[in-house]
Amino acid sequence: MNEEKVVMFNKKKTFTLGFGFLGVSVIWALYNAYVPIFLKQFGGYTGLFYFFSQAANIIAPPLSGLAIDTFGYPSLMFFAPFFFIIAFILMRFARRGEITTEELPAI
């Protein structure tokens, strides 16, 4: 006779994970509510900020999924620092101030 094993969830881990997601959700809501107010003073860079933050949300899951499928989960330990270093290098080129019409590319 086949007996099915019943898998019981660890309640402590489940609640910890749930409260972790709740905390991240609250922080994300506050971020979306207050960062635009803070960035209003930066004007032209607000659009670029939102473009790149959303582009990262679209591009990262397929790239990390490909890395996991190809090399396994430990590959993320190299994947994350690699893109962190790229972001750090690109941020070195960021300047303060507003975009002027002379700095905009000709269309």
Protein backbone atom coordinates (compact mmCIF):
# COMPACT_ATOMS: atom_id res chain seq x y z
CA MET A 1 0.00 0.00 0.00
CA ASN A 2 1.35 3.44 -0.91
CA GLU A 3 1.41 5.84 1.95
CA GLU A 4 1.62 9.50 1.10
CA LYS A 5 3.97 11.55 3.18
CA VAL A 6 2.45 14.70 4.55
CA VAL A 7 4.88 17.60 4.54
CA MET A 8 4.34 19.97 7.42
CA PHE A 9 5.48 23.55 7.07
CA ASN A 10 7.68 24.98 9.75
CA LYS A 11 5.40 27.66 11.20
CA LYS A 12 8.24 29.78 12.55
CA LYS A 13 9.98 29.94 9.16
CA THR A 14 6.69 30.55 7.35
CA PHE A 15 5.75 33.48 9.59
CA THR A 16 9.29 34.88 9.40
CA LEU A 17 9.15 34.77 5.62
CA GLY A 18 5.67 36.32 5.61
CA PHE A 19 6.71 39.19 7.87
CA GLY A 20 9.82 39.67 5.73
CA PHE A 21 7.64 40.10 2.66
CA LEU A 22 5.35 42.42 4.62
CA GLY A 23 8.32 44.55 5.69
CA VAL A 24 9.66 44.77 2.14
CA SER A 25 6.17 45.69 0.87
CA VAL A 26 5.84 48.50 3.42
CA ILE A 27 9.32 49.83 2.63
CA TRP A 28 8.60 49.67 -1.12
CA ALA A 29 5.33 51.58 -0.66
CA LEU A 30 7.09 54.29 1.36
CA TYR A 31 9.84 54.42 -1.24
CA ASN A 32 7.33 54.92 -4.06
CA ALA A 33 5.47 57.56 -2.05
CA TYR A 34 8.39 59.71 -0.93
CA VAL A 35 11.18 59.30 -3.48
CA PRO A 36 9.27 61.19 -6.22
CA ILE A 37 8.82 64.12 -3.82
CA PHE A 38 12.53 64.06 -3.04
CA LEU A 39 13.48 63.76 -6.72
CA LYS A 40 11.24 66.64 -7.83
CA GLN A 41 14.12 68.99 -7.17
CA PHE A 42 16.25 67.01 -9.64
CA GLY A 43 13.80 67.48 -12.50
CA GLY A 44 15.26 65.86 -15.62
CA TYR A 45 16.88 62.99 -13.77
CA THR A 46 13.62 61.71 -12.32
CA GLY A 47 12.61 60.08 -15.59
CA LEU A 48 16.01 58.47 -15.99
CA PHE A 49 15.84 57.16 -12.43
CA TYR A 50 12.49 55.48 -13.01
CA PHE A 51 13.52 54.18 -16.45
CA PHE A 52 16.61 52.42 -15.14
CA SER A 53 14.96 51.15 -11.96
CA GLN A 54 12.16 49.56 -13.99
CA ALA A 55 14.56 48.30 -16.67
CA ALA A 56 16.46 46.47 -13.93
CA ASN A 57 13.20 44.85 -12.78
CA ILE A 58 12.55 43.64 -16.33
CA ILE A 59 16.07 42.52 -17.26
CA ALA A 60 17.38 40.98 -14.02
CA PRO A 61 14.96 38.03 -13.57
CA PRO A 62 15.61 36.46 -17.00
CA LEU A 63 19.37 37.00 -16.69
CA SER A 64 19.54 35.56 -13.19
CA GLY A 65 17.26 32.69 -14.23
CA LEU A 66 19.56 31.92 -17.16
CA ALA A 67 22.57 31.96 -14.83
CA ILE A 68 20.80 29.63 -12.37
CA ASP A 69 19.71 27.24 -15.13
CA THR A 70 23.18 27.18 -16.68
CA PHE A 71 25.49 27.22 -13.65
CA GLY A 72 23.24 26.57 -10.63
CA TYR A 73 22.33 28.74 -7.65
CA PRO A 74 25.94 29.40 -6.51
CA SER A 75 26.41 31.42 -9.73
CA LEU A 76 24.35 34.21 -8.14
CA MET A 77 27.25 34.84 -5.77
CA PHE A 78 29.21 36.02 -8.82
CA PHE A 79 26.25 37.48 -10.74
CA ALA A 80 25.23 40.04 -8.09
CA PRO A 81 28.71 41.50 -7.34
CA PHE A 82 29.43 41.74 -11.08
CA PHE A 83 26.44 44.01 -11.68
CA PHE A 84 27.10 45.89 -8.44
CA ILE A 85 30.58 46.77 -9.73
CA ILE A 86 29.13 47.84 -13.11
CA ALA A 87 26.60 50.07 -11.31
CA PHE A 88 29.34 51.55 -9.14
CA ILE A 89 31.48 52.37 -12.20
CA LEU A 90 28.53 53.94 -14.02
CA MET A 91 27.64 56.03 -10.97
CA ARG A 92 31.13 57.54 -11.07
CA PHE A 93 30.06 59.31 -14.29
CA ALA A 94 26.92 60.84 -12.72
CA ARG A 95 26.99 64.61 -12.25
CA ARG A 96 25.00 66.93 -10.05
CA GLY A 97 22.72 69.60 -11.40
CA GLU A 98 19.96 69.99 -13.94
CA ILE A 99 20.10 68.96 -17.57
CA THR A 100 20.38 71.99 -19.83
CA THR A 101 19.19 72.11 -23.42
CA GLU A 102 22.81 72.18 -24.60
CA GLU A 103 23.43 68.79 -22.96
CA LEU A 104 20.44 67.08 -24.61
CA PRO A 105 21.24 65.04 -27.71
CA ALA A 106 19.90 66.32 -31.02
CA ILE A 107 16.99 64.26 -32.30
